N, C-alpha and C. Protein backbone atom coordinates (compact mmCIF):
# COMPACT_ATOMS: atom_id res chain seq x y z
N MET A 1 -4.62 11.60 3.87
CA MET A 1 -4.47 12.05 4.92
C MET A 1 -3.95 12.90 5.51
N THR A 2 -3.83 13.58 4.51
CA THR A 2 -2.95 14.73 5.11
C THR A 2 -3.60 15.97 5.08
N ASP A 3 -4.74 16.22 4.25
CA ASP A 3 -5.81 17.04 4.41
C ASP A 3 -6.44 17.35 5.93
N ARG A 4 -6.77 15.99 6.84
CA ARG A 4 -7.01 15.05 8.08
C ARG A 4 -6.03 15.49 9.26
N THR A 5 -5.25 15.56 8.38
CA THR A 5 -3.91 16.28 9.50
C THR A 5 -3.26 17.24 9.55
N ARG A 6 -3.70 18.29 8.38
CA ARG A 6 -3.87 19.46 8.03
C ARG A 6 -4.68 20.45 9.08
N ASP A 7 -5.68 19.06 9.39
CA ASP A 7 -6.81 20.25 10.03
C ASP A 7 -6.77 19.82 11.39
N GLU A 8 -5.93 18.89 12.14
CA GLU A 8 -6.20 18.22 12.80
C GLU A 8 -5.39 19.59 13.27
N ILE A 9 -3.55 19.87 12.88
CA ILE A 9 -2.22 20.63 12.70
C ILE A 9 -3.18 22.36 13.40
N ALA A 10 -3.99 22.36 12.35
CA ALA A 10 -5.06 24.30 12.37
C ALA A 10 -4.97 23.72 13.90
N ARG A 11 -5.91 23.58 14.35
CA ARG A 11 -7.03 23.17 15.96
C ARG A 11 -5.59 23.40 16.82
N ILE A 12 -4.88 22.31 16.76
CA ILE A 12 -3.79 22.71 17.67
C ILE A 12 -2.79 24.32 17.58
N LEU A 13 -2.73 23.99 17.07
CA LEU A 13 -1.84 25.42 16.80
C LEU A 13 -3.03 26.54 17.08
N LYS A 14 -4.25 26.54 17.15
CA LYS A 14 -5.33 27.87 17.48
C LYS A 14 -5.39 27.74 18.84
N ASP A 15 -5.92 26.78 19.36
CA ASP A 15 -6.13 26.21 20.55
C ASP A 15 -4.74 27.39 21.69
N ASN A 16 -6.18 27.90 22.25
CA ASN A 16 -4.48 29.07 23.05
C ASN A 16 -5.38 28.28 24.58
N THR A 17 -5.98 27.07 24.59
CA THR A 17 -6.36 27.55 26.23
C THR A 17 -5.73 26.91 26.56
N ARG A 18 -4.29 25.68 26.32
CA ARG A 18 -3.22 24.62 26.39
C ARG A 18 -2.26 25.57 26.61
N SER A 19 -1.15 25.40 26.54
CA SER A 19 -0.30 26.29 27.26
C SER A 19 0.52 24.79 25.27
N LYS A 20 1.16 26.12 25.12
CA LYS A 20 2.08 25.58 23.71
C LYS A 20 2.96 24.48 25.23
N ALA A 21 3.38 23.80 25.64
CA ALA A 21 4.02 22.37 25.48
C ALA A 21 3.46 21.62 25.66
N ASP A 22 2.15 21.52 26.47
CA ASP A 22 0.69 20.83 25.47
C ASP A 22 0.46 20.74 24.52
N ARG A 23 0.39 21.25 23.50
CA ARG A 23 0.34 21.56 22.27
C ARG A 23 1.03 20.60 21.15
N VAL A 24 2.92 20.84 22.18
CA VAL A 24 3.79 20.55 21.33
C VAL A 24 3.59 18.70 21.92
N ASP A 25 3.52 19.09 22.65
CA ASP A 25 3.39 17.02 23.05
C ASP A 25 1.93 16.47 22.58
N GLU A 26 0.90 17.03 22.16
CA GLU A 26 0.00 15.93 21.08
C GLU A 26 1.01 15.81 19.47
N LEU A 27 1.42 17.27 18.97
CA LEU A 27 2.23 17.15 17.82
C LEU A 27 3.18 16.34 17.45
N LEU A 28 3.84 15.65 18.77
CA LEU A 28 4.59 14.97 19.08
C LEU A 28 4.01 13.69 18.70
N ARG A 29 3.35 13.55 19.62
CA ARG A 29 2.21 12.41 19.64
C ARG A 29 1.73 11.52 17.66
N MET A 30 1.44 12.83 17.03
CA MET A 30 0.72 12.94 16.07
C MET A 30 2.00 12.21 15.69
N ARG A 31 3.71 13.20 15.01
CA ARG A 31 3.95 12.85 14.03
C ARG A 31 4.66 11.39 14.57
N GLU A 32 4.30 11.04 16.34
CA GLU A 32 4.68 9.71 15.98
C GLU A 32 3.86 8.15 15.32
N ASP A 33 2.93 8.52 15.86
CA ASP A 33 2.13 7.96 15.11
C ASP A 33 2.38 7.51 13.88
N ALA A 34 2.18 9.47 12.81
CA ALA A 34 2.74 9.21 11.42
C ALA A 34 3.85 8.40 10.84
N ARG A 35 4.84 8.10 11.75
CA ARG A 35 5.93 7.93 11.67
C ARG A 35 6.33 6.86 11.01
N ALA A 36 5.30 6.18 12.18
CA ALA A 36 5.09 4.00 12.86
C ALA A 36 4.48 4.04 11.37
N LEU A 37 3.45 5.27 10.58
CA LEU A 37 2.70 5.08 9.54
C LEU A 37 3.22 4.42 8.77
N GLN A 38 4.40 5.38 8.94
CA GLN A 38 5.60 5.77 7.14
C GLN A 38 6.87 4.46 6.68
N ARG A 39 6.65 4.22 8.58
CA ARG A 39 7.85 2.75 8.56
C ARG A 39 6.97 1.70 8.04
N ALA A 40 5.55 0.92 8.11
CA ALA A 40 4.48 0.03 8.22
C ALA A 40 4.57 -0.17 7.13
N ALA A 41 4.57 0.87 6.52
CA ALA A 41 4.02 1.12 4.79
C ALA A 41 5.13 0.88 3.85
N THR A 42 6.68 1.59 4.12
CA THR A 42 7.22 1.21 3.50
C THR A 42 8.25 -0.38 3.84
N GLU A 43 7.14 -0.79 5.00
CA GLU A 43 7.87 -2.83 5.27
C GLU A 43 6.64 -3.47 3.93
N SER A 44 5.26 -2.89 4.29
CA SER A 44 4.73 -3.45 2.78
C SER A 44 4.98 -3.73 2.07
N PRO A 45 4.70 -4.18 0.85
CA PRO A 45 5.26 -4.76 -1.13
C PRO A 45 3.75 -3.38 -1.01
N MET A 46 3.05 -3.54 -0.92
CA MET A 46 1.64 -2.03 -1.76
C MET A 46 1.83 -1.26 -0.38
N GLY A 47 2.42 -0.24 -0.25
CA GLY A 47 2.84 0.59 0.77
C GLY A 47 2.97 1.86 -0.29
N ASN A 48 3.35 3.14 -0.15
CA ASN A 48 3.10 3.92 -0.59
C ASN A 48 3.19 5.75 -0.59
N GLU A 49 3.92 5.53 1.44
CA GLU A 49 3.09 6.62 2.20
C GLU A 49 4.37 7.37 2.15
N THR A 50 4.51 8.16 1.81
CA THR A 50 5.34 9.43 1.76
C THR A 50 5.74 10.19 2.92
N PRO A 51 7.21 11.42 3.43
CA PRO A 51 7.08 12.18 3.75
C PRO A 51 5.64 13.12 4.23
N ASP A 52 5.69 13.74 2.42
CA ASP A 52 4.38 14.46 2.33
C ASP A 52 2.82 13.22 2.33
N SER A 53 3.53 12.35 2.62
CA SER A 53 1.93 11.96 2.47
C SER A 53 1.38 11.68 4.10
N SER A 54 1.82 10.81 4.67
CA SER A 54 2.15 10.93 5.61
C SER A 54 2.07 11.78 7.49
N GLY A 55 2.27 13.57 6.53
CA GLY A 55 1.63 14.66 6.81
C GLY A 55 2.87 14.72 7.88
N LEU A 56 4.54 14.03 8.17
CA LEU A 56 5.24 14.55 8.42
C LEU A 56 5.69 15.52 8.45
N ARG A 57 6.01 16.17 6.68
CA ARG A 57 6.35 17.44 7.39
C ARG A 57 5.44 18.59 7.68
N ASP A 58 4.52 19.02 7.83
CA ASP A 58 3.19 19.52 8.13
C ASP A 58 3.57 19.52 9.20
N ILE A 59 3.54 18.75 10.33
CA ILE A 59 3.48 18.87 11.52
C ILE A 59 4.90 19.34 12.58
N ASP A 60 6.50 18.14 11.31
CA ASP A 60 7.44 19.48 11.72
C ASP A 60 7.13 20.72 11.34
N ARG A 61 6.73 21.46 10.37
CA ARG A 61 6.91 22.86 10.62
C ARG A 61 5.66 23.16 11.64
N ALA A 62 4.56 22.31 12.44
CA ALA A 62 4.55 23.24 13.13
C ALA A 62 5.01 22.85 13.68
N LEU A 63 5.51 22.08 14.93
CA LEU A 63 6.43 21.84 15.94
C LEU A 63 7.64 22.80 15.83
N GLU A 64 7.85 23.04 15.35
CA GLU A 64 8.84 24.30 14.45
C GLU A 64 8.34 25.91 14.53
N ARG A 65 7.09 26.18 14.07
CA ARG A 65 5.64 27.00 14.22
C ARG A 65 6.20 26.71 16.27
N LEU A 66 5.26 26.64 16.88
CA LEU A 66 6.12 26.27 18.69
C LEU A 66 6.79 26.37 19.11
N GLY A 67 8.27 26.72 18.85
CA GLY A 67 9.52 26.59 19.21
C GLY A 67 10.39 25.06 18.98
N HIS A 68 9.99 24.49 18.37
CA HIS A 68 10.85 22.79 19.06
C HIS A 68 11.09 22.69 17.28
N ILE A 69 12.19 22.80 18.21
CA ILE A 69 13.63 22.08 17.52
C ILE A 69 14.42 20.62 17.12
N ASP A 70 14.28 20.34 18.22
CA ASP A 70 14.51 19.14 18.42
C ASP A 70 14.20 17.59 17.93
N LEU A 71 13.80 17.33 17.11
CA LEU A 71 13.31 16.72 15.56
C LEU A 71 14.84 15.77 15.30
N THR A 72 15.75 16.01 14.50
CA THR A 72 15.92 15.82 13.41
C THR A 72 17.40 15.76 14.62
N GLU A 73 17.78 15.76 15.99
CA GLU A 73 18.58 15.07 16.34
C GLU A 73 18.01 13.83 17.75
N ALA A 74 17.13 13.74 17.71
CA ALA A 74 16.10 12.71 18.35
C ALA A 74 16.09 11.68 17.26
N GLU A 75 15.70 11.83 15.65
CA GLU A 75 16.10 10.94 14.65
C GLU A 75 17.25 10.29 14.44
N GLU A 76 18.47 11.23 14.12
CA GLU A 76 19.31 11.16 13.77
C GLU A 76 20.20 9.59 15.04
N ASN A 77 19.40 9.39 16.77
CA ASN A 77 20.01 8.62 17.48
C ASN A 77 18.65 7.51 17.47
N SER A 78 18.30 7.22 17.24
CA SER A 78 17.15 6.46 16.65
C SER A 78 17.67 5.21 16.89
N ALA A 79 16.86 4.14 16.93
CA ALA A 79 17.38 3.18 16.61
C ALA A 79 16.38 2.56 15.06
N ALA A 80 15.20 3.06 15.10
CA ALA A 80 13.98 3.27 14.42
C ALA A 80 14.39 3.53 13.08
N THR A 81 14.96 3.82 11.88
CA THR A 81 15.69 4.96 10.79
C THR A 81 14.26 3.93 9.44
N LEU A 82 14.47 5.27 8.58
CA LEU A 82 13.36 5.17 7.64
C LEU A 82 14.40 4.35 6.84
């Protein structure tokens, strides 16, 4: 999944036709999906998703490049943690 995720992240970051807020919103949606997949994998006996394989780290880095740094606080206050 990481190669596809990296390609999608690169496309979003390079899309200068959209505002920074729109690009952050799309990356946040990708992040929510990646976290949901990671949570599901940890609940499955055959799950092998990690932050690296789910693309979470790449998405987080892209969000930081766009100036969005509120992820840690949001996760700390979230009811669903890994």
